[in-house]
Amino acid sequence: MTPITKAGRGRMNTSVSVDDSAGRGVKVRLRADSDLIQQLADKEQEKVQKEKKVAERVKEIRSQVEAAAEENMRLQRAVAVIARSSRLLVAMGSSNRALCLHAVAAFFAGMGLVGIVEPGMVLHFFGLDTLPPDLRNEVRGVYGGFGLAIAALLVFTRRVERRRPDYALGLRTAVMVSLCGMAAGRLVSWAIESTTGPWPLVFFAVELALAFLLSMAMPESRCA
């Protein structure tokens, strides 16, 4: 057995120390590499998370944009429907006003023609079968000429309604007030004395109905 000298023991200790230092160095490098790899992995994970969040945000924004576009489309359709409905209502209102106006004008035109052609028929409702020339002249003037003039006036207001609505409103109001005045006169007469026949009540109702139709024929009327 060969004895180990001090020099050999020293070389052995030095070799062990070098090996230990090299091992620790390798471990340090491995640990550093592992930490670096972990940091890179963490950064990559953070990058993936950020990209995922960005993708989710983009998807959310896209959904909001699509929802806004759909809502805008619905709003446009609703506006279009409202616009068409408004035009239809305006047309219907204008048509109804014209119908009311022409109905009143037709009544006055019929009254005027009967008053001119057959004046005796006008007062026949009140028990007068034969009329003297003076009374026939009165009927032709008051019922005939007046009725035809009012009918022509109402038709004229229809022609100028768009260009001069205030003018049409004033003329129709004057005729309406005249009809209301006739009905009011009948009420005063009934308060003074009663009537025997049904025709005064019939004409009272006709006058009120014509006044109501004229109120619906006004340019600003909301009833028509």
C-alpha atoms as a PDB file:
ATOM      1  CA  MET A   1       0.000   0.000   0.000  1.00  0.00           C
ATOM      2  CA  THR A   2       1.464   3.272  -1.105  1.00  0.00           C
ATOM      3  CA  PRO A   3       1.379   5.934   1.559  1.00  0.00           C
ATOM      4  CA  ILE A   4      -0.194   9.293   0.734  1.00  0.00           C
ATOM      5  CA  THR A   5       2.257  12.035   1.152  1.00  0.00           C
ATOM      6  CA  LYS A   6       1.440  15.611   2.156  1.00  0.00           C
ATOM      7  CA  ALA A   7       1.998  16.810  -1.396  1.00  0.00           C
ATOM      8  CA  GLY A   8      -0.391  14.207  -2.754  1.00  0.00           C
ATOM      9  CA  ARG A   9      -2.939  15.082  -0.099  1.00  0.00           C
ATOM     10  CA  GLY A  10      -2.660  18.763  -1.094  1.00  0.00           C
ATOM     11  CA  ARG A  11      -3.137  18.022  -4.752  1.00  0.00           C
ATOM     12  CA  MET A  12      -6.191  15.915  -3.885  1.00  0.00           C
ATOM     13  CA  ASN A  13      -7.728  18.696  -1.818  1.00  0.00           C
ATOM     14  CA  THR A  14      -7.098  21.208  -4.594  1.00  0.00           C
ATOM     15  CA  SER A  15      -8.711  18.904  -7.144  1.00  0.00           C
ATOM     16  CA  VAL A  16     -11.771  18.448  -4.926  1.00  0.00           C
ATOM     17  CA  SER A  17     -12.025  22.196  -4.393  1.00  0.00           C
ATOM     18  CA  VAL A  18     -11.837  22.839  -8.130  1.00  0.00           C
ATOM     19  CA  ASP A  19     -14.481  20.220  -8.774  1.00  0.00           C
ATOM     20  CA  ASP A  20     -16.744  21.735  -6.114  1.00  0.00           C
ATOM     21  CA  SER A  21     -16.273  25.223  -7.550  1.00  0.00           C
ATOM     22  CA  ALA A  22     -17.012  23.998 -11.051  1.00  0.00           C
ATOM     23  CA  GLY A  23     -20.106  22.189  -9.819  1.00  0.00           C
ATOM     24  CA  ARG A  24     -21.351  25.272  -8.000  1.00  0.00           C
ATOM     25  CA  GLY A  25     -20.659  27.350 -11.125  1.00  0.00           C
ATOM     26  CA  VAL A  26     -22.646  24.956 -13.236  1.00  0.00           C
ATOM     27  CA  LYS A  27     -25.461  25.021 -10.710  1.00  0.00           C
ATOM     28  CA  VAL A  28     -25.412  28.819 -10.696  1.00  0.00           C
ATOM     29  CA  ARG A  29     -25.492  28.929 -14.477  1.00  0.00           C
ATOM     30  CA  LEU A  30     -28.255  26.352 -14.582  1.00  0.00           C
ATOM     31  CA  ARG A  31     -30.214  28.319 -11.992  1.00  0.00           C
ATOM     32  CA  ALA A  32     -29.655  31.540 -13.962  1.00  0.00           C
ATOM     33  CA  ASP A  33     -30.695  29.841 -17.179  1.00  0.00           C
ATOM     34  CA  SER A  34     -33.745  28.409 -15.439  1.00  0.00           C
ATOM     35  CA  ASP A  35     -34.680  31.840 -14.086  1.00  0.00           C
ATOM     36  CA  LEU A  36     -34.203  33.367 -17.517  1.00  0.00           C
ATOM     37  CA  ILE A  37     -36.320  30.676 -19.101  1.00  0.00           C
ATOM     38  CA  GLN A  38     -38.996  31.235 -16.441  1.00  0.00           C
ATOM     39  CA  GLN A  39     -38.896  34.991 -17.058  1.00  0.00           C
ATOM     40  CA  LEU A  40     -39.207  34.436 -20.783  1.00  0.00           C
ATOM     41  CA  ALA A  41     -42.064  32.023 -20.183  1.00  0.00           C
ATOM     42  CA  ASP A  42     -43.763  34.535 -17.889  1.00  0.00           C
ATOM     43  CA  LYS A  43     -43.328  37.287 -20.458  1.00  0.00           C
ATOM     44  CA  GLU A  44     -44.685  35.022 -23.151  1.00  0.00           C
ATOM     45  CA  GLN A  45     -47.629  34.178 -20.913  1.00  0.00           C
ATOM     46  CA  GLU A  46     -48.237  37.863 -20.249  1.00  0.00           C
ATOM     47  CA  LYS A  47     -48.030  38.515 -23.972  1.00  0.00           C
ATOM     48  CA  VAL A  48     -50.548  35.755 -24.629  1.00  0.00           C
ATOM     49  CA  GLN A  49     -52.836  37.141 -21.925  1.00  0.00           C
ATOM     50  CA  LYS A  50     -52.559  40.652 -23.356  1.00  0.00           C
ATOM     51  CA  GLU A  51     -53.269  39.368 -26.856  1.00  0.00           C
ATOM     52  CA  LYS A  52     -56.242  37.460 -25.488  1.00  0.00           C
ATOM     53  CA  LYS A  53     -57.550  40.567 -23.728  1.00  0.00           C
ATOM     54  CA  VAL A  54     -57.012  42.630 -26.877  1.00  0.00           C
ATOM     55  CA  ALA A  55     -58.863  40.015 -28.926  1.00  0.00           C
ATOM     56  CA  GLU A  56     -61.721  39.988 -26.418  1.00  0.00           C
ATOM     57  CA  ARG A  57     -61.827  43.793 -26.440  1.00  0.00           C
ATOM     58  CA  VAL A  58     -61.835  43.843 -30.236  1.00  0.00           C
ATOM     59  CA  LYS A  59     -64.633  41.289 -30.234  1.00  0.00           C
ATOM     60  CA  GLU A  60     -66.567  43.364 -27.697  1.00  0.00           C
ATOM     61  CA  ILE A  61     -66.075  46.551 -29.727  1.00  0.00           C
ATOM     62  CA  ARG A  62     -67.119  44.731 -32.881  1.00  0.00           C
ATOM     63  CA  SER A  63     -70.258  43.496 -31.136  1.00  0.00           C
ATOM     64  CA  GLN A  64     -71.016  47.017 -29.940  1.00  0.00           C
ATOM     65  CA  VAL A  65     -70.492  48.392 -33.442  1.00  0.00           C
ATOM     66  CA  GLU A  66     -72.764  45.734 -34.921  1.00  0.00           C
ATOM     67  CA  ALA A  67     -75.389  46.418 -32.253  1.00  0.00           C
ATOM     68  CA  ALA A  68     -75.142  50.158 -32.902  1.00  0.00           C
ATOM     69  CA  ALA A  69     -75.451  49.581 -36.646  1.00  0.00           C
ATOM     70  CA  GLU A  70     -78.480  47.368 -36.114  1.00  0.00           C
ATOM     71  CA  GLU A  71     -80.025  49.929 -33.769  1.00  0.00           C
ATOM     72  CA  ASN A  72     -79.334  52.656 -36.308  1.00  0.00           C
ATOM     73  CA  MET A  73     -80.994  50.559 -38.995  1.00  0.00           C
ATOM     74  CA  ARG A  74     -84.045  50.020 -36.794  1.00  0.00           C
ATOM     75  CA  LEU A  75     -84.139  53.734 -36.050  1.00  0.00           C
ATOM     76  CA  GLN A  76     -83.967  54.567 -39.743  1.00  0.00           C
ATOM     77  CA  ARG A  77     -86.788  52.134 -40.467  1.00  0.00           C
ATOM     78  CA  ALA A  78     -88.847  53.645 -37.644  1.00  0.00           C
ATOM     79  CA  VAL A  79     -88.201  57.159 -38.942  1.00  0.00           C
ATOM     80  CA  ALA A  80     -89.203  56.050 -42.434  1.00  0.00           C
ATOM     81  CA  VAL A  81     -92.419  54.508 -41.094  1.00  0.00           C
ATOM     82  CA  ILE A  82     -93.200  57.651 -39.096  1.00  0.00           C
ATOM     83  CA  ALA A  83     -92.512  59.822 -42.134  1.00  0.00           C
ATOM     84  CA  ARG A  84     -94.785  57.707 -44.319  1.00  0.00           C
ATOM     85  CA  SER A  85     -97.462  57.698 -41.624  1.00  0.00           C
ATOM     86  CA  SER A  86     -97.194  61.462 -41.248  1.00  0.00           C
ATOM     87  CA  ARG A  87     -97.539  61.979 -44.982  1.00  0.00           C
ATOM     88  CA  LEU A  88    -100.501  59.614 -45.025  1.00  0.00           C
ATOM     89  CA  LEU A  89    -102.153  61.386 -42.090  1.00  0.00           C
ATOM     90  CA  VAL A  90    -101.582  64.761 -43.702  1.00  0.00           C
ATOM     91  CA  ALA A  91    -103.045  63.484 -46.948  1.00  0.00           C
ATOM     92  CA  MET A  92    -105.990  61.927 -45.120  1.00  0.00           C
ATOM     93  CA  GLY A  93    -106.509  65.094 -43.077  1.00  0.00           C
ATOM     94  CA  SER A  94    -106.388  67.222 -46.193  1.00  0.00           C
ATOM     95  CA  SER A  95    -108.763  64.844 -47.952  1.00  0.00           C
ATOM     96  CA  ASN A  96    -111.165  64.852 -44.991  1.00  0.00           C
ATOM     97  CA  ARG A  97    -111.083  68.648 -44.795  1.00  0.00           C
ATOM     98  CA  ALA A  98    -111.806  68.868 -48.508  1.00  0.00           C
ATOM     99  CA  LEU A  99    -114.666  66.384 -48.127  1.00  0.00           C
ATOM    100  CA  CYS A 100    -116.211  68.387 -45.275  1.00  0.00           C
ATOM    101  CA  LEU A 101    -115.795  71.632 -47.174  1.00  0.00           C
ATOM    102  CA  HIS A 102    -117.303  70.270 -50.373  1.00  0.00           C
ATOM    103  CA  ALA A 103    -120.233  68.779 -48.441  1.00  0.00           C
ATOM    104  CA  VAL A 104    -121.123  72.203 -47.034  1.00  0.00           C
ATOM    105  CA  ALA A 105    -120.594  73.832 -50.437  1.00  0.00           C
ATOM    106  CA  ALA A 106    -122.841  71.212 -52.062  1.00  0.00           C
ATOM    107  CA  PHE A 107    -125.618  71.929 -49.562  1.00  0.00           C
ATOM    108  CA  PHE A 108    -125.474  75.665 -50.216  1.00  0.00           C
ATOM    109  CA  ALA A 109    -125.289  75.084 -53.975  1.00  0.00           C
ATOM    110  CA  GLY A 110    -128.362  72.841 -53.821  1.00  0.00           C
ATOM    111  CA  MET A 111    -130.215  75.368 -51.700  1.00  0.00           C
ATOM    112  CA  GLY A 112    -129.263  78.132 -54.119  1.00  0.00           C
ATOM    113  CA  LEU A 113    -130.366  76.221 -57.198  1.00  0.00           C
ATOM    114  CA  VAL A 114    -133.691  75.299 -55.625  1.00  0.00           C
ATOM    115  CA  GLY A 115    -134.189  78.893 -54.504  1.00  0.00           C
ATOM    116  CA  ILE A 116    -133.553  80.199 -58.032  1.00  0.00           C
ATOM    117  CA  VAL A 117    -135.464  77.558 -60.000  1.00  0.00           C
ATOM    118  CA  GLU A 118    -138.298  76.666 -57.610  1.00  0.00           C
ATOM    119  CA  PRO A 119    -138.639  79.405 -54.991  1.00  0.00           C
ATOM    120  CA  GLY A 120    -141.991  78.021 -53.903  1.00  0.00           C
ATOM    121  CA  MET A 121    -140.351  74.749 -52.806  1.00  0.00           C
ATOM    122  CA  VAL A 122    -138.215  76.599 -50.255  1.00  0.00           C
ATOM    123  CA  LEU A 123    -141.141  77.934 -48.263  1.00  0.00           C
ATOM    124  CA  HIS A 124    -143.284  74.882 -48.895  1.00  0.00           C
ATOM    125  CA  PHE A 125    -141.788  73.404 -45.717  1.00  0.00           C
ATOM    126  CA  PHE A 126    -143.374  76.238 -43.757  1.00  0.00           C
ATOM    127  CA  GLY A 127    -146.902  75.884 -45.177  1.00  0.00           C
ATOM    128  CA  LEU A 128    -146.704  78.391 -48.038  1.00  0.00           C
ATOM    129  CA  ASP A 129    -147.759  76.658 -51.246  1.00  0.00           C
ATOM    130  CA  THR A 130    -148.142  79.719 -53.477  1.00  0.00           C
ATOM    131  CA  LEU A 131    -145.890  82.757 -53.416  1.00  0.00           C
ATOM    132  CA  PRO A 132    -146.521  86.193 -54.866  1.00  0.00           C
ATOM    133  CA  PRO A 133    -143.878  87.630 -57.219  1.00  0.00           C
ATOM    134  CA  ASP A 134    -142.365  89.835 -54.520  1.00  0.00           C
ATOM    135  CA  LEU A 135    -141.894  86.911 -52.156  1.00  0.00           C
ATOM    136  CA  ARG A 136    -140.470  84.749 -54.935  1.00  0.00           C
ATOM    137  CA  ASN A 137    -138.005  87.557 -55.646  1.00  0.00           C
ATOM    138  CA  GLU A 138    -137.040  87.574 -51.986  1.00  0.00           C
ATOM    139  CA  VAL A 139    -136.534  83.817 -51.946  1.00  0.00           C
ATOM    140  CA  ARG A 140    -134.437  83.907 -55.125  1.00  0.00           C
ATOM    141  CA  GLY A 141    -132.265  86.629 -53.628  1.00  0.00           C
ATOM    142  CA  VAL A 142    -131.892  85.399 -50.032  1.00  0.00           C
ATOM    143  CA  TYR A 143    -131.888  81.631 -50.597  1.00  0.00           C
ATOM    144  CA  GLY A 144    -130.890  81.362 -54.262  1.00  0.00           C
ATOM    145  CA  GLY A 145    -128.234  83.998 -54.776  1.00  0.00           C
ATOM    146  CA  PHE A 146    -126.902  83.773 -51.241  1.00  0.00           C
ATOM    147  CA  GLY A 147    -126.624  79.969 -51.356  1.00  0.00           C
ATOM    148  CA  LEU A 148    -124.802  79.950 -54.700  1.00  0.00           C
ATOM    149  CA  ALA A 149    -122.455  82.709 -53.556  1.00  0.00           C
ATOM    150  CA  ILE A 150    -121.566  80.857 -50.349  1.00  0.00           C
ATOM    151  CA  ALA A 151    -120.970  77.630 -52.289  1.00  0.00           C
ATOM    152  CA  ALA A 152    -118.658  79.414 -54.737  1.00  0.00           C
ATOM    153  CA  LEU A 153    -116.881  81.150 -51.863  1.00  0.00           C
ATOM    154  CA  LEU A 154    -116.183  77.875 -50.049  1.00  0.00           C
ATOM    155  CA  VAL A 155    -114.846  76.237 -53.204  1.00  0.00           C
ATOM    156  CA  PHE A 156    -112.671  79.302 -53.763  1.00  0.00           C
ATOM    157  CA  THR A 157    -111.160  78.952 -50.283  1.00  0.00           C
ATOM    158  CA  ARG A 158    -110.119  75.434 -51.231  1.00  0.00           C
ATOM    159  CA  ARG A 159    -108.170  76.754 -54.200  1.00  0.00           C
ATOM    160  CA  VAL A 160    -106.288  79.377 -52.167  1.00  0.00           C
ATOM    161  CA  GLU A 161    -105.864  77.349 -48.969  1.00  0.00           C
ATOM    162  CA  ARG A 162    -102.201  76.502 -49.560  1.00  0.00           C
ATOM    163  CA  ARG A 163    -101.136  79.932 -50.752  1.00  0.00           C
ATOM    164  CA  ARG A 164    -103.246  81.947 -48.310  1.00  0.00           C
ATOM    165  CA  PRO A 165    -104.327  79.760 -45.369  1.00  0.00           C
ATOM    166  CA  ASP A 166    -105.309  82.740 -43.204  1.00  0.00           C
ATOM    167  CA  TYR A 167    -107.556  84.009 -45.968  1.00  0.00           C
ATOM    168  CA  ALA A 168    -109.283  80.635 -46.280  1.00  0.00           C
ATOM    169  CA  LEU A 169    -109.585  80.371 -42.507  1.00  0.00           C
ATOM    170  CA  GLY A 170    -111.252  83.777 -42.236  1.00  0.00           C
ATOM    171  CA  LEU A 171    -113.819  83.102 -44.962  1.00  0.00           C
ATOM    172  CA  ARG A 172    -114.760  79.680 -43.608  1.00  0.00           C
ATOM    173  CA  THR A 173    -115.008  81.091 -40.097  1.00  0.00           C
ATOM    174  CA  ALA A 174    -117.380  83.793 -41.329  1.00  0.00           C
ATOM    175  CA  VAL A 175    -119.671  81.208 -42.931  1.00  0.00           C
ATOM    176  CA  MET A 176    -119.484  78.991 -39.841  1.00  0.00           C
ATOM    177  CA  VAL A 177    -120.397  81.909 -37.557  1.00  0.00           C
ATOM    178  CA  SER A 178    -123.310  82.760 -39.866  1.00  0.00           C
ATOM    179  CA  LEU A 179    -124.639  79.213 -39.542  1.00  0.00           C
ATOM    180  CA  CYS A 180    -124.239  79.342 -35.765  1.00  0.00           C
ATOM    181  CA  GLY A 181    -126.072  82.679 -35.791  1.00  0.00           C
ATOM    182  CA  MET A 182    -129.001  81.111 -37.653  1.00  0.00           C
ATOM    183  CA  ALA A 183    -129.159  78.274 -35.121  1.00  0.00           C
ATOM    184  CA  ALA A 184    -128.943  80.769 -32.236  1.00  0.00           C
ATOM    185  CA  GLY A 185    -131.797  82.788 -33.772  1.00  0.00           C
ATOM    186  CA  ARG A 186    -133.953  79.666 -33.784  1.00  0.00           C
ATOM    187  CA  LEU A 187    -133.171  79.087 -30.116  1.00  0.00           C
ATOM    188  CA  VAL A 188    -134.237  82.641 -29.306  1.00  0.00           C
ATOM    189  CA  SER A 189    -137.399  82.128 -31.318  1.00  0.00           C
ATOM    190  CA  TRP A 190    -138.211  78.925 -29.429  1.00  0.00           C
ATOM    191  CA  ALA A 191    -137.659  80.769 -26.178  1.00  0.00           C
ATOM    192  CA  ILE A 192    -140.231  83.346 -27.287  1.00  0.00           C
ATOM    193  CA  GLU A 193    -142.765  80.964 -28.823  1.00  0.00           C
ATOM    194  CA  SER A 194    -142.973  77.307 -29.702  1.00  0.00           C
ATOM    195  CA  THR A 195    -143.254  75.962 -33.242  1.00  0.00           C
ATOM    196  CA  THR A 196    -145.849  73.542 -34.555  1.00  0.00           C
ATOM    197  CA  GLY A 197    -144.021  71.740 -37.370  1.00  0.00           C
ATOM    198  CA  PRO A 198    -140.892  69.598 -37.356  1.00  0.00           C
ATOM    199  CA  TRP A 199    -138.982  71.547 -40.005  1.00  0.00           C
ATOM    200  CA  PRO A 200    -137.554  74.304 -37.801  1.00  0.00           C
ATOM    201  CA  LEU A 201    -135.931  71.630 -35.642  1.00  0.00           C
ATOM    202  CA  VAL A 202    -134.648  69.822 -38.740  1.00  0.00           C
ATOM    203  CA  PHE A 203    -133.098  72.992 -40.149  1.00  0.00           C
ATOM    204  CA  PHE A 204    -131.648  73.798 -36.718  1.00  0.00           C
ATOM    205  CA  ALA A 205    -129.868  70.430 -36.730  1.00  0.00           C
ATOM    206  CA  VAL A 206    -128.733  70.961 -40.338  1.00  0.00           C
ATOM    207  CA  GLU A 207    -127.249  74.369 -39.498  1.00  0.00           C
ATOM    208  CA  LEU A 208    -125.332  72.958 -36.541  1.00  0.00           C
ATOM    209  CA  ALA A 209    -124.101  70.029 -38.640  1.00  0.00           C
ATOM    210  CA  LEU A 210    -122.904  72.368 -41.394  1.00  0.00           C
ATOM    211  CA  ALA A 211    -121.133  74.553 -38.829  1.00  0.00           C
ATOM    212  CA  PHE A 212    -119.421  71.468 -37.402  1.00  0.00           C
ATOM    213  CA  LEU A 213    -118.325  70.330 -40.861  1.00  0.00           C
ATOM    214  CA  LEU A 214    -116.856  73.754 -41.511  1.00  0.00           C
ATOM    215  CA  SER A 215    -114.967  73.600 -38.214  1.00  0.00           C
ATOM    216  CA  MET A 216    -113.437  70.329 -39.422  1.00  0.00           C
ATOM    217  CA  ALA A 217    -112.606  71.946 -42.759  1.00  0.00           C
ATOM    218  CA  MET A 218    -110.437  74.619 -41.144  1.00  0.00           C
ATOM    219  CA  PRO A 219    -106.735  74.541 -42.186  1.00  0.00           C
ATOM    220  CA  GLU A 220    -105.636  74.130 -38.531  1.00  0.00           C
ATOM    221  CA  SER A 221    -108.334  71.602 -37.651  1.00  0.00           C
ATOM    222  CA  ARG A 222    -107.157  68.501 -35.757  1.00  0.00           C
ATOM    223  CA  CYS A 223    -110.513  66.781 -36.061  1.00  0.00           C
ATOM    224  CA  ALA A 224    -110.246  65.977 -39.765  1.00  0.00           C
END
